Amino acid sequence: MQRHERLEQDVKIALSDIIMHEVKEKSVTGLISVTDVKITPDQKYATVYVSIFGKCNKDKVVEALTKAKGFIKKELGRRVRMRNMPEITFKLDNSMEYGEHMDRVIKEVIEKDNMNK
């Protein structure tokens, strides 16, 4: 694994722990999973993709994470050694929901196909 990929993985693990155990924002509810982290080669910017499970307003959770960004960056700096502490942007990752939706569609098509036989 290359150094940059290892750094992204380390940041992903640290952010997952910080979000799950350290962020005390009331809007941060539901099960939040950091699915991916992309850091620019100059380490100035990081895009953090999160999946949110549960019956909550997902946009509000992303907004709350963005508000807690200063705290999150400070904690990240304590846990991961980096040349520059990147500016973090949180983005909602809907790939899990999309995958579940596709599973349902495929099952429906298979059931219809079996009924027509």
C-alpha atoms as a PDB file:
ATOM      1  CA  MET A   1       0.000   0.000   0.000  1.00  0.00           C
ATOM      2  CA  GLN A   2       1.356   3.404  -0.928  1.00  0.00           C
ATOM      3  CA  ARG A   3       2.067   6.048   1.696  1.00  0.00           C
ATOM      4  CA  HIS A   4      -0.820   8.286   0.546  1.00  0.00           C
ATOM      5  CA  GLU A   5      -3.337   5.424   0.613  1.00  0.00           C
ATOM      6  CA  ARG A   6      -2.136   4.419   4.073  1.00  0.00           C
ATOM      7  CA  LEU A   7      -2.582   8.007   5.258  1.00  0.00           C
ATOM      8  CA  GLU A   8      -6.146   8.077   3.892  1.00  0.00           C
ATOM      9  CA  GLN A   9      -6.870   4.795   5.667  1.00  0.00           C
ATOM     10  CA  ASP A  10      -5.413   6.078   8.955  1.00  0.00           C
ATOM     11  CA  VAL A  11      -7.494   9.257   8.702  1.00  0.00           C
ATOM     12  CA  LYS A  12     -10.619   7.212   7.921  1.00  0.00           C
ATOM     13  CA  ILE A  13     -10.122   5.045  11.021  1.00  0.00           C
ATOM     14  CA  ALA A  14      -9.416   8.048  13.249  1.00  0.00           C
ATOM     15  CA  LEU A  15     -12.409  10.018  11.940  1.00  0.00           C
ATOM     16  CA  SER A  16     -14.715   7.034  12.450  1.00  0.00           C
ATOM     17  CA  ASP A  17     -13.661   6.822  16.082  1.00  0.00           C
ATOM     18  CA  ILE A  18     -13.893  10.582  16.632  1.00  0.00           C
ATOM     19  CA  ILE A  19     -17.377  10.815  15.145  1.00  0.00           C
ATOM     20  CA  MET A  20     -18.666   7.767  17.018  1.00  0.00           C
ATOM     21  CA  HIS A  21     -17.199   8.559  20.435  1.00  0.00           C
ATOM     22  CA  GLU A  22     -16.145  12.194  20.710  1.00  0.00           C
ATOM     23  CA  VAL A  23     -18.618  14.396  18.810  1.00  0.00           C
ATOM     24  CA  LYS A  24     -21.309  15.485  21.256  1.00  0.00           C
ATOM     25  CA  GLU A  25     -23.480  17.384  18.748  1.00  0.00           C
ATOM     26  CA  LYS A  26     -27.161  16.540  19.387  1.00  0.00           C
ATOM     27  CA  SER A  27     -27.961  16.418  15.658  1.00  0.00           C
ATOM     28  CA  VAL A  28     -25.392  13.687  15.076  1.00  0.00           C
ATOM     29  CA  THR A  29     -27.709  10.715  15.494  1.00  0.00           C
ATOM     30  CA  GLY A  30     -28.091   7.342  13.876  1.00  0.00           C
ATOM     31  CA  LEU A  31     -25.320   5.000  12.893  1.00  0.00           C
ATOM     32  CA  ILE A  32     -22.684   7.014  11.047  1.00  0.00           C
ATOM     33  CA  SER A  33     -20.056   5.207   9.030  1.00  0.00           C
ATOM     34  CA  VAL A  34     -17.084   6.859   7.352  1.00  0.00           C
ATOM     35  CA  THR A  35     -17.036   4.999   4.037  1.00  0.00           C
ATOM     36  CA  ASP A  36     -14.115   6.745   2.358  1.00  0.00           C
ATOM     37  CA  VAL A  37     -11.601   9.562   2.726  1.00  0.00           C
ATOM     38  CA  LYS A  38      -9.908  11.251  -0.221  1.00  0.00           C
ATOM     39  CA  ILE A  39      -6.994  13.565   0.553  1.00  0.00           C
ATOM     40  CA  THR A  40      -5.372  15.758  -2.081  1.00  0.00           C
ATOM     41  CA  PRO A  41      -1.686  15.019  -2.722  1.00  0.00           C
ATOM     42  CA  ASP A  42      -0.671  18.302  -1.056  1.00  0.00           C
ATOM     43  CA  GLN A  43      -2.744  17.308   2.025  1.00  0.00           C
ATOM     44  CA  LYS A  44      -4.606  20.626   2.024  1.00  0.00           C
ATOM     45  CA  TYR A  45      -8.087  19.200   1.457  1.00  0.00           C
ATOM     46  CA  ALA A  46      -9.864  16.033   2.556  1.00  0.00           C
ATOM     47  CA  THR A  47     -13.283  14.856   1.425  1.00  0.00           C
ATOM     48  CA  VAL A  48     -14.910  12.558   3.959  1.00  0.00           C
ATOM     49  CA  TYR A  49     -17.763  10.378   2.716  1.00  0.00           C
ATOM     50  CA  VAL A  50     -20.257   9.275   5.371  1.00  0.00           C
ATOM     51  CA  SER A  51     -23.182   6.854   5.298  1.00  0.00           C
ATOM     52  CA  ILE A  52     -25.929   7.480   7.814  1.00  0.00           C
ATOM     53  CA  PHE A  53     -28.336   4.749   8.851  1.00  0.00           C
ATOM     54  CA  GLY A  54     -31.452   5.316  10.854  1.00  0.00           C
ATOM     55  CA  LYS A  55     -34.501   7.521  10.796  1.00  0.00           C
ATOM     56  CA  CYS A  56     -32.877  10.939  10.923  1.00  0.00           C
ATOM     57  CA  ASN A  57     -32.455  13.945   8.702  1.00  0.00           C
ATOM     58  CA  LYS A  58     -29.220  13.031   6.945  1.00  0.00           C
ATOM     59  CA  ASP A  59     -28.600  16.550   5.658  1.00  0.00           C
ATOM     60  CA  LYS A  60     -28.828  17.872   9.226  1.00  0.00           C
ATOM     61  CA  VAL A  61     -26.296  15.280  10.381  1.00  0.00           C
ATOM     62  CA  VAL A  62     -23.850  16.343   7.649  1.00  0.00           C
ATOM     63  CA  GLU A  63     -24.496  19.975   8.610  1.00  0.00           C
ATOM     64  CA  ALA A  64     -23.790  19.182  12.279  1.00  0.00           C
ATOM     65  CA  LEU A  65     -20.559  17.398  11.356  1.00  0.00           C
ATOM     66  CA  THR A  66     -19.544  20.450   9.347  1.00  0.00           C
ATOM     67  CA  LYS A  67     -20.245  22.675  12.383  1.00  0.00           C
ATOM     68  CA  ALA A  68     -18.088  20.396  14.548  1.00  0.00           C
ATOM     69  CA  LYS A  69     -15.283  20.483  11.974  1.00  0.00           C
ATOM     70  CA  GLY A  70     -12.922  22.537  14.178  1.00  0.00           C
ATOM     71  CA  PHE A  71     -13.162  20.041  17.026  1.00  0.00           C
ATOM     72  CA  ILE A  72     -12.843  17.106  14.622  1.00  0.00           C
ATOM     73  CA  LYS A  73      -9.704  18.590  13.016  1.00  0.00           C
ATOM     74  CA  LYS A  74      -8.135  19.192  16.426  1.00  0.00           C
ATOM     75  CA  GLU A  75      -8.790  15.591  17.491  1.00  0.00           C
ATOM     76  CA  LEU A  76      -7.557  14.285  14.148  1.00  0.00           C
ATOM     77  CA  GLY A  77      -4.332  16.253  14.614  1.00  0.00           C
ATOM     78  CA  ARG A  78      -3.783  14.508  17.939  1.00  0.00           C
ATOM     79  CA  ARG A  79      -4.240  11.061  16.441  1.00  0.00           C
ATOM     80  CA  VAL A  80      -2.684  11.196  12.966  1.00  0.00           C
ATOM     81  CA  ARG A  81       0.635  12.811  12.104  1.00  0.00           C
ATOM     82  CA  MET A  82       0.341  14.799   8.895  1.00  0.00           C
ATOM     83  CA  ARG A  83       2.462  17.411   7.191  1.00  0.00           C
ATOM     84  CA  ASN A  84      -0.610  19.671   6.848  1.00  0.00           C
ATOM     85  CA  MET A  85      -3.949  19.313   8.606  1.00  0.00           C
ATOM     86  CA  PRO A  86      -6.399  19.318   5.682  1.00  0.00           C
ATOM     87  CA  GLU A  87      -9.568  21.353   5.344  1.00  0.00           C
ATOM     88  CA  ILE A  88     -12.331  18.757   5.778  1.00  0.00           C
ATOM     89  CA  THR A  89     -15.486  18.552   3.690  1.00  0.00           C
ATOM     90  CA  PHE A  90     -18.199  16.048   4.631  1.00  0.00           C
ATOM     91  CA  LYS A  91     -20.286  14.484   1.882  1.00  0.00           C
ATOM     92  CA  LEU A  92     -23.178  12.069   2.139  1.00  0.00           C
ATOM     93  CA  ASP A  93     -22.453   8.673   0.593  1.00  0.00           C
ATOM     94  CA  ASN A  94     -25.673   7.153  -0.704  1.00  0.00           C
ATOM     95  CA  SER A  95     -24.060   4.076  -2.254  1.00  0.00           C
ATOM     96  CA  MET A  96     -25.370   1.755   0.489  1.00  0.00           C
ATOM     97  CA  GLU A  97     -28.936   2.978   0.036  1.00  0.00           C
ATOM     98  CA  TYR A  98     -28.573   2.721  -3.728  1.00  0.00           C
ATOM     99  CA  GLY A  99     -27.314  -0.855  -3.353  1.00  0.00           C
ATOM    100  CA  GLU A 100     -30.284  -1.762  -1.140  1.00  0.00           C
ATOM    101  CA  HIS A 101     -32.657  -0.176  -3.663  1.00  0.00           C
ATOM    102  CA  MET A 102     -31.089  -2.174  -6.512  1.00  0.00           C
ATOM    103  CA  ASP A 103     -31.377  -5.391  -4.466  1.00  0.00           C
ATOM    104  CA  ARG A 104     -35.119  -4.745  -4.004  1.00  0.00           C
ATOM    105  CA  VAL A 105     -35.588  -4.023  -7.721  1.00  0.00           C
ATOM    106  CA  ILE A 106     -33.731  -7.206  -8.706  1.00  0.00           C
ATOM    107  CA  LYS A 107     -35.795  -9.297  -6.265  1.00  0.00           C
ATOM    108  CA  GLU A 108     -39.030  -7.817  -7.665  1.00  0.00           C
ATOM    109  CA  VAL A 109     -37.966  -8.608 -11.235  1.00  0.00           C
ATOM    110  CA  ILE A 110     -37.033 -12.186 -10.276  1.00  0.00           C
ATOM    111  CA  GLU A 111     -40.383 -12.662  -8.483  1.00  0.00           C
ATOM    112  CA  LYS A 112     -42.319 -11.352 -11.495  1.00  0.00           C
ATOM    113  CA  ASP A 113     -40.282 -13.558 -13.789  1.00  0.00           C
ATOM    114  CA  ASN A 114     -40.982 -16.625 -11.623  1.00  0.00           C
ATOM    115  CA  MET A 115     -44.730 -15.810 -11.601  1.00  0.00           C
ATOM    116  CA  ASN A 116     -44.806 -15.684 -15.405  1.00  0.00           C
ATOM    117  CA  LYS A 117     -43.269 -19.151 -15.788  1.00  0.00           C
END
